[in-house]
Amino acid sequence: MTPDRLASQIRFLMEIDKLKSIVRQTWLLDQSRRENDAEHSWHLAVMAVLLGEYAVEQGLNLSRVIRMALVHDLVEIDAGDTYCYDEAGHIDKPDREQRAADRIFALLPDDQGRELRELWDEFEARRTPEARFAAAMDRLQPLLHNVHTDCRTWRDHGTTAAQVVGRCRLIADGSPTLWDYAEGLIRDAVERGCLPAGGE
């Protein structure tokens, strides 16, 4: 350990505390407030631990999935949270997040910065089984919150079932079992009248 290395690590740890202040659209289940990015990332990591048995590919490196879950939203410290159905906000999202990744991961010592940046890039590309499963968790978590808060965020934004299916169907890439479950939840939300069907 060198003083410079430790100083860089501590600086990064202090910087990522800002993730606790990035408020997402998703409501907590008790509907007292919206969740923040740090809570979302923690929830994904626990979901990966518990639901890993449903991954489409067995023998998944769950440690890698968990690390992706923990770092995938760090870029939102700079880039902010973009609501997933906000088409205008997604136009420049890749550029904002790339710039954020360049800055945030560079705070670490080179080896650790490179490792976390590779995990973030892997998550974004979704080319590996681990990345596809991590992305499935990232889609499933807000869906679970929505159906258990009477579709509150979806209702707030006029989101339709067609939009939800369009965004969430990639859950199947990580776990067909969990996608079947998610589709059932979406159908139930439509039947309950809290999520309009919309056009496919």
N, C-alpha and C. Protein backbone atom coordinates (compact mmCIF):
# COMPACT_ATOMS: atom_id res chain seq x y z
N MET A 1 0.83 -1.20 0.00
CA MET A 1 0.00 0.00 0.00
C MET A 1 0.87 1.25 0.00
N THR A 2 0.52 2.21 -0.83
CA THR A 2 1.21 3.50 -0.84
C THR A 2 0.21 4.56 -0.40
N PRO A 3 0.72 5.65 0.18
CA PRO A 3 -0.20 6.73 0.59
C PRO A 3 -1.04 7.26 -0.57
N ASP A 4 -0.44 7.37 -1.77
CA ASP A 4 -1.18 7.88 -2.92
C ASP A 4 -2.30 6.93 -3.33
N ARG A 5 -2.01 5.62 -3.27
CA ARG A 5 -3.04 4.64 -3.64
C ARG A 5 -4.22 4.71 -2.68
N LEU A 6 -3.92 4.72 -1.41
CA LEU A 6 -4.99 4.78 -0.42
C LEU A 6 -5.78 6.09 -0.55
N ALA A 7 -5.09 7.18 -0.79
CA ALA A 7 -5.76 8.47 -0.94
C ALA A 7 -6.72 8.44 -2.13
N SER A 8 -6.30 7.80 -3.23
CA SER A 8 -7.17 7.69 -4.40
C SER A 8 -8.40 6.84 -4.10
N GLN A 9 -8.19 5.75 -3.40
CA GLN A 9 -9.31 4.86 -3.06
C GLN A 9 -10.32 5.57 -2.15
N ILE A 10 -9.80 6.29 -1.16
CA ILE A 10 -10.69 7.02 -0.24
C ILE A 10 -11.42 8.13 -0.98
N ARG A 11 -10.71 8.82 -1.88
CA ARG A 11 -11.36 9.88 -2.66
C ARG A 11 -12.51 9.31 -3.48
N PHE A 12 -12.30 8.16 -4.11
CA PHE A 12 -13.36 7.51 -4.89
C PHE A 12 -14.54 7.13 -3.99
N LEU A 13 -14.24 6.55 -2.83
CA LEU A 13 -15.30 6.14 -1.90
C LEU A 13 -16.12 7.34 -1.43
N MET A 14 -15.47 8.46 -1.21
CA MET A 14 -16.20 9.67 -0.82
C MET A 14 -17.03 10.21 -1.99
N GLU A 15 -16.50 10.09 -3.19
CA GLU A 15 -17.21 10.58 -4.37
C GLU A 15 -18.49 9.78 -4.61
N ILE A 16 -18.41 8.46 -4.45
CA ILE A 16 -19.59 7.65 -4.77
C ILE A 16 -20.68 7.77 -3.71
N ASP A 17 -20.39 8.42 -2.59
CA ASP A 17 -21.45 8.72 -1.63
C ASP A 17 -22.54 9.57 -2.28
N LYS A 18 -22.18 10.29 -3.33
CA LYS A 18 -23.15 11.14 -4.03
C LYS A 18 -24.27 10.31 -4.67
N LEU A 19 -24.03 9.02 -4.88
CA LEU A 19 -25.06 8.17 -5.48
C LEU A 19 -26.31 8.12 -4.59
N LYS A 20 -26.11 8.33 -3.29
CA LYS A 20 -27.24 8.32 -2.37
C LYS A 20 -28.18 9.51 -2.58
N SER A 21 -27.70 10.51 -3.30
CA SER A 21 -28.50 11.72 -3.55
C SER A 21 -29.16 11.73 -4.92
N ILE A 22 -28.88 10.72 -5.74
CA ILE A 22 -29.49 10.65 -7.07
C ILE A 22 -30.83 9.92 -6.93
N VAL A 23 -31.90 10.67 -7.05
CA VAL A 23 -33.24 10.13 -6.82
C VAL A 23 -33.81 9.58 -8.13
N ARG A 24 -34.29 8.37 -8.07
CA ARG A 24 -34.89 7.70 -9.22
C ARG A 24 -36.40 7.94 -9.25
N GLN A 25 -37.04 7.50 -10.30
CA GLN A 25 -38.49 7.63 -10.41
C GLN A 25 -39.22 6.57 -9.57
N THR A 26 -38.55 5.47 -9.29
CA THR A 26 -39.17 4.34 -8.61
C THR A 26 -39.50 4.67 -7.15
N TRP A 27 -40.73 4.36 -6.77
CA TRP A 27 -41.16 4.57 -5.39
C TRP A 27 -40.78 3.40 -4.51
N LEU A 28 -40.42 3.68 -3.26
CA LEU A 28 -40.26 2.61 -2.28
C LEU A 28 -41.61 1.91 -2.12
N LEU A 29 -41.58 0.68 -1.65
CA LEU A 29 -42.82 -0.08 -1.53
C LEU A 29 -43.80 0.54 -0.54
N ASP A 30 -43.27 1.26 0.47
CA ASP A 30 -44.20 1.92 1.41
C ASP A 30 -44.69 3.27 0.86
N GLN A 31 -44.19 3.66 -0.31
CA GLN A 31 -44.57 4.87 -1.02
C GLN A 31 -44.30 6.16 -0.22
N SER A 32 -43.37 6.08 0.71
CA SER A 32 -43.02 7.26 1.50
C SER A 32 -42.13 8.23 0.72
N ARG A 33 -41.39 7.70 -0.23
CA ARG A 33 -40.49 8.53 -1.05
C ARG A 33 -40.00 7.68 -2.21
N ARG A 34 -39.29 8.34 -3.12
CA ARG A 34 -38.66 7.62 -4.23
C ARG A 34 -37.31 7.05 -3.76
N GLU A 35 -36.90 5.96 -4.38
CA GLU A 35 -35.62 5.36 -4.01
C GLU A 35 -34.47 6.15 -4.62
N ASN A 36 -33.28 5.98 -4.06
CA ASN A 36 -32.10 6.59 -4.66
C ASN A 36 -31.27 5.51 -5.36
N ASP A 37 -30.29 5.97 -6.13
CA ASP A 37 -29.48 5.04 -6.93
C ASP A 37 -28.70 4.04 -6.09
N ALA A 38 -28.24 4.45 -4.92
CA ALA A 38 -27.48 3.53 -4.08
C ALA A 38 -28.38 2.40 -3.59
N GLU A 39 -29.60 2.73 -3.23
CA GLU A 39 -30.56 1.70 -2.80
C GLU A 39 -30.89 0.75 -3.95
N HIS A 40 -31.08 1.31 -5.13
CA HIS A 40 -31.36 0.51 -6.32
C HIS A 40 -30.22 -0.47 -6.58
N SER A 41 -28.98 0.01 -6.53
CA SER A 41 -27.83 -0.85 -6.81
C SER A 41 -27.70 -1.97 -5.78
N TRP A 42 -27.91 -1.63 -4.51
CA TRP A 42 -27.88 -2.64 -3.46
C TRP A 42 -28.95 -3.70 -3.69
N HIS A 43 -30.14 -3.25 -4.07
CA HIS A 43 -31.25 -4.17 -4.29
C HIS A 43 -30.93 -5.13 -5.43
N LEU A 44 -30.33 -4.62 -6.51
CA LEU A 44 -29.95 -5.48 -7.64
C LEU A 44 -28.94 -6.53 -7.20
N ALA A 45 -27.98 -6.12 -6.38
CA ALA A 45 -26.96 -7.07 -5.94
C ALA A 45 -27.58 -8.21 -5.14
N VAL A 46 -28.51 -7.89 -4.25
CA VAL A 46 -29.18 -8.93 -3.46
C VAL A 46 -30.05 -9.80 -4.36
N MET A 47 -30.73 -9.19 -5.31
CA MET A 47 -31.54 -9.96 -6.26
C MET A 47 -30.68 -10.97 -7.02
N ALA A 48 -29.49 -10.54 -7.44
CA ALA A 48 -28.60 -11.44 -8.18
C ALA A 48 -28.21 -12.64 -7.32
N VAL A 49 -27.95 -12.40 -6.04
CA VAL A 49 -27.59 -13.50 -5.14
C VAL A 49 -28.75 -14.49 -5.04
N LEU A 50 -29.96 -13.99 -4.85
CA LEU A 50 -31.09 -14.86 -4.60
C LEU A 50 -31.69 -15.49 -5.85
N LEU A 51 -31.61 -14.79 -6.97
CA LEU A 51 -32.27 -15.26 -8.19
C LEU A 51 -31.32 -15.85 -9.21
N GLY A 52 -30.05 -15.94 -8.87
CA GLY A 52 -29.05 -16.47 -9.80
C GLY A 52 -29.37 -17.86 -10.31
N GLU A 53 -30.10 -18.63 -9.52
CA GLU A 53 -30.45 -19.99 -9.95
C GLU A 53 -31.36 -20.00 -11.16
N TYR A 54 -31.98 -18.87 -11.50
CA TYR A 54 -32.88 -18.80 -12.65
C TYR A 54 -32.20 -18.27 -13.91
N ALA A 55 -30.90 -18.02 -13.82
CA ALA A 55 -30.17 -17.51 -14.99
C ALA A 55 -30.24 -18.52 -16.13
N VAL A 56 -30.32 -18.01 -17.35
CA VAL A 56 -30.42 -18.87 -18.52
C VAL A 56 -29.18 -19.75 -18.66
N GLU A 57 -28.03 -19.24 -18.25
CA GLU A 57 -26.79 -20.00 -18.32
C GLU A 57 -26.34 -20.37 -16.92
N GLN A 58 -26.21 -21.65 -16.68
CA GLN A 58 -25.76 -22.12 -15.37
C GLN A 58 -24.25 -21.89 -15.25
N GLY A 59 -23.76 -21.88 -14.02
CA GLY A 59 -22.33 -21.64 -13.80
C GLY A 59 -21.95 -20.18 -13.95
N LEU A 60 -22.94 -19.30 -13.82
CA LEU A 60 -22.71 -17.87 -13.93
C LEU A 60 -21.73 -17.40 -12.86
N ASN A 61 -20.88 -16.46 -13.21
CA ASN A 61 -19.98 -15.86 -12.23
C ASN A 61 -20.77 -14.79 -11.46
N LEU A 62 -21.42 -15.21 -10.38
CA LEU A 62 -22.30 -14.30 -9.64
C LEU A 62 -21.53 -13.16 -9.00
N SER A 63 -20.28 -13.40 -8.63
CA SER A 63 -19.48 -12.32 -8.07
C SER A 63 -19.35 -11.18 -9.08
N ARG A 64 -19.18 -11.53 -10.34
CA ARG A 64 -19.07 -10.51 -11.39
C ARG A 64 -20.41 -9.80 -11.60
N VAL A 65 -21.51 -10.55 -11.54
CA VAL A 65 -22.84 -9.94 -11.67
C VAL A 65 -23.06 -8.94 -10.54
N ILE A 66 -22.71 -9.33 -9.33
CA ILE A 66 -22.90 -8.46 -8.17
C ILE A 66 -22.07 -7.19 -8.31
N ARG A 67 -20.82 -7.34 -8.75
CA ARG A 67 -19.97 -6.15 -8.94
C ARG A 67 -20.54 -5.23 -10.01
N MET A 68 -21.07 -5.81 -11.08
CA MET A 68 -21.71 -4.97 -12.11
C MET A 68 -22.92 -4.24 -11.53
N ALA A 69 -23.71 -4.95 -10.75
CA ALA A 69 -24.88 -4.31 -10.14
C ALA A 69 -24.47 -3.13 -9.27
N LEU A 70 -23.36 -3.27 -8.56
CA LEU A 70 -22.93 -2.21 -7.65
C LEU A 70 -22.33 -1.00 -8.35
N VAL A 71 -21.77 -1.19 -9.55
CA VAL A 71 -21.12 -0.06 -10.22
C VAL A 71 -21.91 0.48 -11.41
N HIS A 72 -22.98 -0.20 -11.84
CA HIS A 72 -23.59 0.14 -13.12
C HIS A 72 -24.18 1.55 -13.16
N ASP A 73 -24.58 2.09 -12.01
CA ASP A 73 -25.19 3.42 -12.00
C ASP A 73 -24.28 4.51 -11.44
N LEU A 74 -23.02 4.20 -11.18
CA LEU A 74 -22.12 5.23 -10.64
C LEU A 74 -22.02 6.44 -11.56
N VAL A 75 -22.16 6.20 -12.86
CA VAL A 75 -22.05 7.31 -13.81
C VAL A 75 -23.16 8.34 -13.62
N GLU A 76 -24.24 7.96 -12.96
CA GLU A 76 -25.35 8.90 -12.76
C GLU A 76 -25.02 9.99 -11.75
N ILE A 77 -23.90 9.85 -11.06
CA ILE A 77 -23.41 10.93 -10.20
C ILE A 77 -23.23 12.19 -11.04
N ASP A 78 -22.70 12.03 -12.25
CA ASP A 78 -22.51 13.16 -13.17
C ASP A 78 -23.66 13.27 -14.18
N ALA A 79 -24.10 12.13 -14.71
CA ALA A 79 -25.04 12.13 -15.82
C ALA A 79 -26.49 12.28 -15.36
N GLY A 80 -26.77 12.05 -14.08
CA GLY A 80 -28.13 12.09 -13.58
C GLY A 80 -28.91 10.84 -13.99
N ASP A 81 -30.07 10.67 -13.38
CA ASP A 81 -30.94 9.54 -13.71
C ASP A 81 -31.88 9.96 -14.83
N THR A 82 -31.93 9.19 -15.88
CA THR A 82 -32.84 9.44 -16.99
C THR A 82 -33.97 8.43 -16.92
N TYR A 83 -35.20 8.91 -16.82
CA TYR A 83 -36.33 7.99 -16.76
C TYR A 83 -36.32 7.10 -18.00
N CYS A 84 -36.50 5.82 -17.78
CA CYS A 84 -36.29 4.84 -18.85
C CYS A 84 -37.22 5.04 -20.04
N TYR A 85 -38.36 5.70 -19.87
CA TYR A 85 -39.28 5.90 -20.99
C TYR A 85 -39.23 7.33 -21.52
N ASP A 86 -38.22 8.09 -21.12
CA ASP A 86 -38.04 9.47 -21.58
C ASP A 86 -37.21 9.46 -22.85
N GLU A 87 -37.88 9.48 -24.01
CA GLU A 87 -37.17 9.36 -25.28
C GLU A 87 -36.22 10.53 -25.52
N ALA A 88 -36.64 11.74 -25.19
CA ALA A 88 -35.78 12.91 -25.39
C ALA A 88 -34.53 12.82 -24.51
N GLY A 89 -34.71 12.38 -23.27
CA GLY A 89 -33.58 12.27 -22.36
C GLY A 89 -32.56 11.23 -22.77
N HIS A 90 -32.98 10.27 -23.58
CA HIS A 90 -32.07 9.20 -24.00
C HIS A 90 -31.22 9.58 -25.20
N ILE A 91 -31.53 10.71 -25.84
CA ILE A 91 -30.77 11.10 -27.03
C ILE A 91 -29.29 11.30 -26.71
N ASP A 92 -29.01 12.06 -25.64
CA ASP A 92 -27.60 12.31 -25.31
C ASP A 92 -27.12 11.51 -24.10
N LYS A 93 -27.93 10.57 -23.64
CA LYS A 93 -27.56 9.78 -22.46
C LYS A 93 -26.23 9.04 -22.65
N PRO A 94 -26.00 8.35 -23.77
CA PRO A 94 -24.72 7.64 -23.92
C PRO A 94 -23.51 8.56 -23.79
N ASP A 95 -23.58 9.74 -24.38
CA ASP A 95 -22.46 10.68 -24.29
C ASP A 95 -22.26 11.16 -22.86
N ARG A 96 -23.35 11.51 -22.18
CA ARG A 96 -23.26 11.96 -20.79
C ARG A 96 -22.64 10.88 -19.91
N GLU A 97 -23.06 9.65 -20.12
CA GLU A 97 -22.58 8.57 -19.26
C GLU A 97 -21.14 8.19 -19.58
N GLN A 98 -20.74 8.25 -20.85
CA GLN A 98 -19.34 7.97 -21.19
C GLN A 98 -18.41 8.99 -20.54
N ARG A 99 -18.79 10.26 -20.61
CA ARG A 99 -17.97 11.31 -19.99
C ARG A 99 -17.89 11.09 -18.47
N ALA A 100 -19.02 10.72 -17.88
CA ALA A 100 -19.05 10.46 -16.44
C ALA A 100 -18.15 9.28 -16.08
N ALA A 101 -18.22 8.22 -16.87
CA ALA A 101 -17.39 7.04 -16.61
C ALA A 101 -15.90 7.41 -16.70
N ASP A 102 -15.55 8.22 -17.70
CA ASP A 102 -14.16 8.65 -17.85
C ASP A 102 -13.67 9.35 -16.59
N ARG A 103 -14.49 10.23 -16.04
CA ARG A 103 -14.06 10.98 -14.86
C ARG A 103 -14.08 10.15 -13.59
N ILE A 104 -15.18 9.46 -13.33
CA ILE A 104 -15.37 8.80 -12.04
C ILE A 104 -14.40 7.65 -11.84
N PHE A 105 -14.25 6.78 -12.84
CA PHE A 105 -13.36 5.64 -12.66
C PHE A 105 -11.90 6.05 -12.67
N ALA A 106 -11.59 7.22 -13.24
CA ALA A 106 -10.22 7.72 -13.23
C ALA A 106 -9.78 8.20 -11.85
N LEU A 107 -10.71 8.33 -10.92
CA LEU A 107 -10.35 8.73 -9.56
C LEU A 107 -9.59 7.63 -8.83
N LEU A 108 -9.77 6.39 -9.26
CA LEU A 108 -9.15 5.25 -8.61
C LEU A 108 -7.72 5.03 -9.11
N PRO A 109 -6.93 4.26 -8.38
CA PRO A 109 -5.65 3.80 -8.94
C PRO A 109 -5.90 3.10 -10.27
N ASP A 110 -4.92 3.15 -11.18
CA ASP A 110 -5.14 2.68 -12.55
C ASP A 110 -5.72 1.27 -12.64
N ASP A 111 -5.19 0.34 -11.85
CA ASP A 111 -5.65 -1.05 -11.97
C ASP A 111 -7.11 -1.19 -11.55
N GLN A 112 -7.48 -0.55 -10.45
CA GLN A 112 -8.86 -0.65 -9.98
C GLN A 112 -9.81 0.16 -10.86
N GLY A 113 -9.36 1.32 -11.31
CA GLY A 113 -10.17 2.12 -12.22
C GLY A 113 -10.46 1.38 -13.50
N ARG A 114 -9.44 0.71 -14.03
CA ARG A 114 -9.61 -0.08 -15.25
C ARG A 114 -10.58 -1.25 -15.02
N GLU A 115 -10.45 -1.92 -13.88
CA GLU A 115 -11.33 -3.06 -13.57
C GLU A 115 -12.79 -2.63 -13.48
N LEU A 116 -13.07 -1.55 -12.76
CA LEU A 116 -14.46 -1.12 -12.61
C LEU A 116 -15.02 -0.56 -13.92
N ARG A 117 -14.17 0.12 -14.68
CA ARG A 117 -14.62 0.63 -15.99
C ARG A 117 -14.96 -0.53 -16.92
N GLU A 118 -14.16 -1.59 -16.88
CA GLU A 118 -14.46 -2.77 -17.70
C GLU A 118 -15.78 -3.41 -17.30
N LEU A 119 -16.05 -3.45 -16.00
CA LEU A 119 -17.33 -3.98 -15.53
C LEU A 119 -18.49 -3.13 -16.03
N TRP A 120 -18.33 -1.80 -15.96
CA TRP A 120 -19.38 -0.90 -16.43
C TRP A 120 -19.60 -1.07 -17.94
N ASP A 121 -18.49 -1.12 -18.71
CA ASP A 121 -18.61 -1.31 -20.15
C ASP A 121 -19.27 -2.65 -20.48
N GLU A 122 -18.91 -3.68 -19.72
CA GLU A 122 -19.50 -5.00 -19.94
C GLU A 122 -21.02 -4.97 -19.70
N PHE A 123 -21.42 -4.32 -18.63
CA PHE A 123 -22.85 -4.19 -18.33
C PHE A 123 -23.58 -3.48 -19.47
N GLU A 124 -23.00 -2.39 -19.94
CA GLU A 124 -23.64 -1.61 -21.00
C GLU A 124 -23.76 -2.40 -22.30
N ALA A 125 -22.74 -3.20 -22.62
CA ALA A 125 -22.73 -3.94 -23.90
C ALA A 125 -23.62 -5.18 -23.86
N ARG A 126 -23.82 -5.77 -22.70
CA ARG A 126 -24.66 -6.96 -22.52
C ARG A 126 -24.26 -8.11 -23.45
N ARG A 127 -22.96 -8.30 -23.62
CA ARG A 127 -22.50 -9.38 -24.51
C ARG A 127 -22.18 -10.66 -23.75
N THR A 128 -22.02 -10.58 -22.43
CA THR A 128 -21.68 -11.77 -21.65
C THR A 128 -22.90 -12.26 -20.88
N PRO A 129 -22.92 -13.54 -20.51
CA PRO A 129 -24.04 -14.05 -19.71
C PRO A 129 -24.21 -13.26 -18.41
N GLU A 130 -23.09 -12.87 -17.80
CA GLU A 130 -23.16 -12.11 -16.55
C GLU A 130 -23.81 -10.75 -16.77
N ALA A 131 -23.43 -10.08 -17.84
CA ALA A 131 -24.00 -8.76 -18.13
C ALA A 131 -25.49 -8.87 -18.46
N ARG A 132 -25.85 -9.90 -19.20
CA ARG A 132 -27.27 -10.07 -19.55
C ARG A 132 -28.11 -10.35 -18.30
N PHE A 133 -27.55 -11.11 -17.35
CA PHE A 133 -28.31 -11.38 -16.13
C PHE A 133 -28.38 -10.13 -15.26
N ALA A 134 -27.28 -9.38 -15.17
CA ALA A 134 -27.30 -8.13 -14.40
C ALA A 134 -28.31 -7.16 -15.00
N ALA A 135 -28.37 -7.08 -16.33
CA ALA A 135 -29.34 -6.21 -16.99
C ALA A 135 -30.76 -6.68 -16.73
N ALA A 136 -30.95 -8.01 -16.67
CA ALA A 136 -32.28 -8.54 -16.35
C ALA A 136 -32.72 -8.09 -14.96
N MET A 137 -31.80 -8.11 -14.00
CA MET A 137 -32.13 -7.63 -12.65
C MET A 137 -32.47 -6.15 -12.68
N ASP A 138 -31.75 -5.39 -13.51
CA ASP A 138 -31.97 -3.95 -13.60
C ASP A 138 -33.34 -3.61 -14.18
N ARG A 139 -33.87 -4.48 -15.03
CA ARG A 139 -35.21 -4.29 -15.57
C ARG A 139 -36.28 -4.82 -14.62
N LEU A 140 -35.98 -5.93 -13.95
CA LEU A 140 -36.97 -6.56 -13.08
C LEU A 140 -37.25 -5.76 -11.81
N GLN A 141 -36.21 -5.15 -11.25
CA GLN A 141 -36.38 -4.47 -9.95
C GLN A 141 -37.41 -3.34 -10.00
N PRO A 142 -37.33 -2.40 -10.94
CA PRO A 142 -38.37 -1.35 -10.96
C PRO A 142 -39.74 -1.89 -11.35
N LEU A 143 -39.77 -2.95 -12.15
CA LEU A 143 -41.05 -3.56 -12.50
C LEU A 143 -41.72 -4.09 -11.24
N LEU A 144 -40.95 -4.78 -10.39
CA LEU A 144 -41.50 -5.29 -9.13
C LEU A 144 -42.04 -4.15 -8.27
N HIS A 145 -41.28 -3.06 -8.20
CA HIS A 145 -41.73 -1.91 -7.40
C HIS A 145 -43.02 -1.32 -7.96
N ASN A 146 -43.10 -1.22 -9.28
CA ASN A 146 -44.30 -0.64 -9.88
C ASN A 146 -45.53 -1.48 -9.62
N VAL A 147 -45.43 -2.78 -9.81
CA VAL A 147 -46.64 -3.59 -9.63
C VAL A 147 -47.05 -3.68 -8.16
N HIS A 148 -46.09 -3.43 -7.25
CA HIS A 148 -46.42 -3.49 -5.82
C HIS A 148 -46.70 -2.11 -5.22
N THR A 149 -46.75 -1.08 -6.07
CA THR A 149 -47.16 0.26 -5.62
C THR A 149 -48.32 0.74 -6.49
N ASP A 150 -49.12 -0.20 -6.94
CA ASP A 150 -50.30 0.12 -7.77
C ASP A 150 -49.90 0.92 -9.01
N CYS A 151 -48.75 0.53 -9.59
CA CYS A 151 -48.26 1.13 -10.86
C CYS A 151 -48.00 2.63 -10.73
N ARG A 152 -47.58 3.08 -9.58
CA ARG A 152 -47.53 4.52 -9.32
C ARG A 152 -46.66 5.29 -10.30
N THR A 153 -45.43 4.84 -10.51
CA THR A 153 -44.56 5.57 -11.44
C THR A 153 -45.11 5.49 -12.85
N TRP A 154 -45.58 4.33 -13.26
CA TRP A 154 -46.15 4.21 -14.59
C TRP A 154 -47.35 5.14 -14.75
N ARG A 155 -48.19 5.21 -13.74
CA ARG A 155 -49.36 6.10 -13.83
C ARG A 155 -48.93 7.57 -13.88
N ASP A 156 -47.91 7.91 -13.07
CA ASP A 156 -47.41 9.30 -13.05
C ASP A 156 -46.97 9.76 -14.43
N HIS A 157 -46.43 8.83 -15.22
CA HIS A 157 -45.84 9.19 -16.51
C HIS A 157 -46.68 8.75 -17.71
N GLY A 158 -47.86 8.17 -17.45
CA GLY A 158 -48.69 7.72 -18.56
C GLY A 158 -48.08 6.58 -19.35
N THR A 159 -47.32 5.74 -18.68
CA THR A 159 -46.65 4.61 -19.32
C THR A 159 -47.67 3.51 -19.63
N THR A 160 -47.48 2.84 -20.76
CA THR A 160 -48.39 1.77 -21.16
C THR A 160 -47.72 0.40 -21.03
N ALA A 161 -48.54 -0.63 -21.04
CA ALA A 161 -48.02 -2.00 -20.98
C ALA A 161 -47.12 -2.29 -22.17
N ALA A 162 -47.47 -1.76 -23.34
CA ALA A 162 -46.64 -1.97 -24.52
C ALA A 162 -45.24 -1.42 -24.31
N GLN A 163 -45.15 -0.25 -23.67
CA GLN A 163 -43.83 0.32 -23.38
C GLN A 163 -43.07 -0.54 -22.38
N VAL A 164 -43.76 -1.01 -21.35
CA VAL A 164 -43.12 -1.82 -20.33
C VAL A 164 -42.60 -3.12 -20.94
N VAL A 165 -43.43 -3.76 -21.75
CA VAL A 165 -43.00 -5.00 -22.40
C VAL A 165 -41.80 -4.72 -23.31
N GLY A 166 -41.86 -3.64 -24.07
CA GLY A 166 -40.76 -3.30 -24.97
C GLY A 166 -39.44 -3.12 -24.25
N ARG A 167 -39.49 -2.50 -23.08
CA ARG A 167 -38.25 -2.28 -22.32
C ARG A 167 -37.82 -3.52 -21.56
N CYS A 168 -38.76 -4.24 -21.01
CA CYS A 168 -38.43 -5.32 -20.07
C CYS A 168 -38.26 -6.68 -20.71
N ARG A 169 -38.59 -6.82 -21.99
CA ARG A 169 -38.49 -8.16 -22.58
C ARG A 169 -37.07 -8.69 -22.61
N LEU A 170 -36.06 -7.80 -22.48
CA LEU A 170 -34.69 -8.31 -22.45
C LEU A 170 -34.38 -9.09 -21.17
N ILE A 171 -35.29 -9.08 -20.20
CA ILE A 171 -35.15 -9.95 -19.04
C ILE A 171 -34.98 -11.39 -19.52
N ALA A 172 -35.66 -11.74 -20.61
CA ALA A 172 -35.59 -13.10 -21.15
C ALA A 172 -34.18 -13.48 -21.57
N ASP A 173 -33.36 -12.50 -21.97
CA ASP A 173 -31.97 -12.80 -22.35
C ASP A 173 -31.17 -13.31 -21.17
N GLY A 174 -31.53 -12.86 -19.97
CA GLY A 174 -30.83 -13.31 -18.77
C GLY A 174 -31.53 -14.45 -18.09
N SER A 175 -32.87 -14.50 -18.21
CA SER A 175 -33.64 -15.55 -17.54
C SER A 175 -35.04 -15.65 -18.14
N PRO A 176 -35.29 -16.63 -18.99
CA PRO A 176 -36.64 -16.84 -19.50
C PRO A 176 -37.65 -17.08 -18.37
N THR A 177 -37.24 -17.75 -17.32
CA THR A 177 -38.13 -18.01 -16.19
C THR A 177 -38.61 -16.71 -15.57
N LEU A 178 -37.68 -15.78 -15.34
CA LEU A 178 -38.05 -14.51 -14.72
C LEU A 178 -38.85 -13.63 -15.68
N TRP A 179 -38.60 -13.77 -16.98
CA TRP A 179 -39.40 -13.02 -17.94
C TRP A 179 -40.84 -13.54 -17.94
N ASP A 180 -41.02 -14.85 -17.88
CA ASP A 180 -42.38 -15.40 -17.79
C ASP A 180 -43.10 -14.83 -16.56
N TYR A 181 -42.36 -14.77 -15.46
CA TYR A 181 -42.94 -14.22 -14.22
C TYR A 181 -43.30 -12.75 -14.42
N ALA A 182 -42.39 -11.98 -15.02
CA ALA A 182 -42.60 -10.55 -15.23
C ALA A 182 -43.79 -10.31 -16.17
N GLU A 183 -43.90 -11.12 -17.22
CA GLU A 183 -45.04 -10.97 -18.13
C GLU A 183 -46.36 -11.18 -17.39
N GLY A 184 -46.38 -12.14 -16.48
CA GLY A 184 -47.58 -12.37 -15.68
C GLY A 184 -47.93 -11.16 -14.83
N LEU A 185 -46.91 -10.52 -14.26
CA LEU A 185 -47.15 -9.31 -13.47
C LEU A 185 -47.71 -8.18 -14.33
N ILE A 186 -47.17 -8.04 -15.53
CA ILE A 186 -47.65 -6.99 -16.43
C ILE A 186 -49.10 -7.25 -16.82
N ARG A 187 -49.41 -8.48 -17.17
CA ARG A 187 -50.80 -8.82 -17.51
C ARG A 187 -51.74 -8.53 -16.35
N ASP A 188 -51.28 -8.88 -15.14
CA ASP A 188 -52.11 -8.63 -13.96
C ASP A 188 -52.34 -7.14 -13.75
N ALA A 189 -51.30 -6.32 -13.98
CA ALA A 189 -51.44 -4.87 -13.84
C ALA A 189 -52.45 -4.31 -14.84
N VAL A 190 -52.44 -4.85 -16.06
CA VAL A 190 -53.41 -4.43 -17.07
C VAL A 190 -54.82 -4.82 -16.63
N GLU A 191 -54.95 -6.05 -16.15
CA GLU A 191 -56.27 -6.53 -15.74
C GLU A 191 -56.81 -5.74 -14.55
N ARG A 192 -55.91 -5.30 -13.67
CA ARG A 192 -56.34 -4.49 -12.51
C ARG A 192 -56.68 -3.07 -12.90
N GLY A 193 -56.30 -2.67 -14.11
CA GLY A 193 -56.63 -1.34 -14.59
C GLY A 193 -55.65 -0.25 -14.23
N CYS A 194 -54.51 -0.61 -13.63
CA CYS A 194 -53.54 0.43 -13.27
C CYS A 194 -52.51 0.67 -14.35
N LEU A 195 -52.47 -0.21 -15.37
CA LEU A 195 -51.51 -0.06 -16.48
C LEU A 195 -52.28 -0.21 -17.79
N PRO A 196 -52.47 0.89 -18.55
CA PRO A 196 -53.18 0.76 -19.83
C PRO A 196 -52.38 -0.08 -20.81
N ALA A 197 -53.08 -0.83 -21.64
CA ALA A 197 -52.40 -1.75 -22.56
C ALA A 197 -51.54 -1.01 -23.59
N GLY A 198 -52.07 0.02 -24.21
CA GLY A 198 -51.30 0.71 -25.25
C GLY A 198 -51.21 -0.13 -26.49
N GLY A 199 -50.50 0.36 -27.51
CA GLY A 199 -50.33 -0.38 -28.77
C GLY A 199 -48.99 -1.06 -28.82
N GLU A 200 -48.94 -2.24 -29.39
CA GLU A 200 -47.66 -2.96 -29.54
C GLU A 200 -46.83 -2.34 -30.63
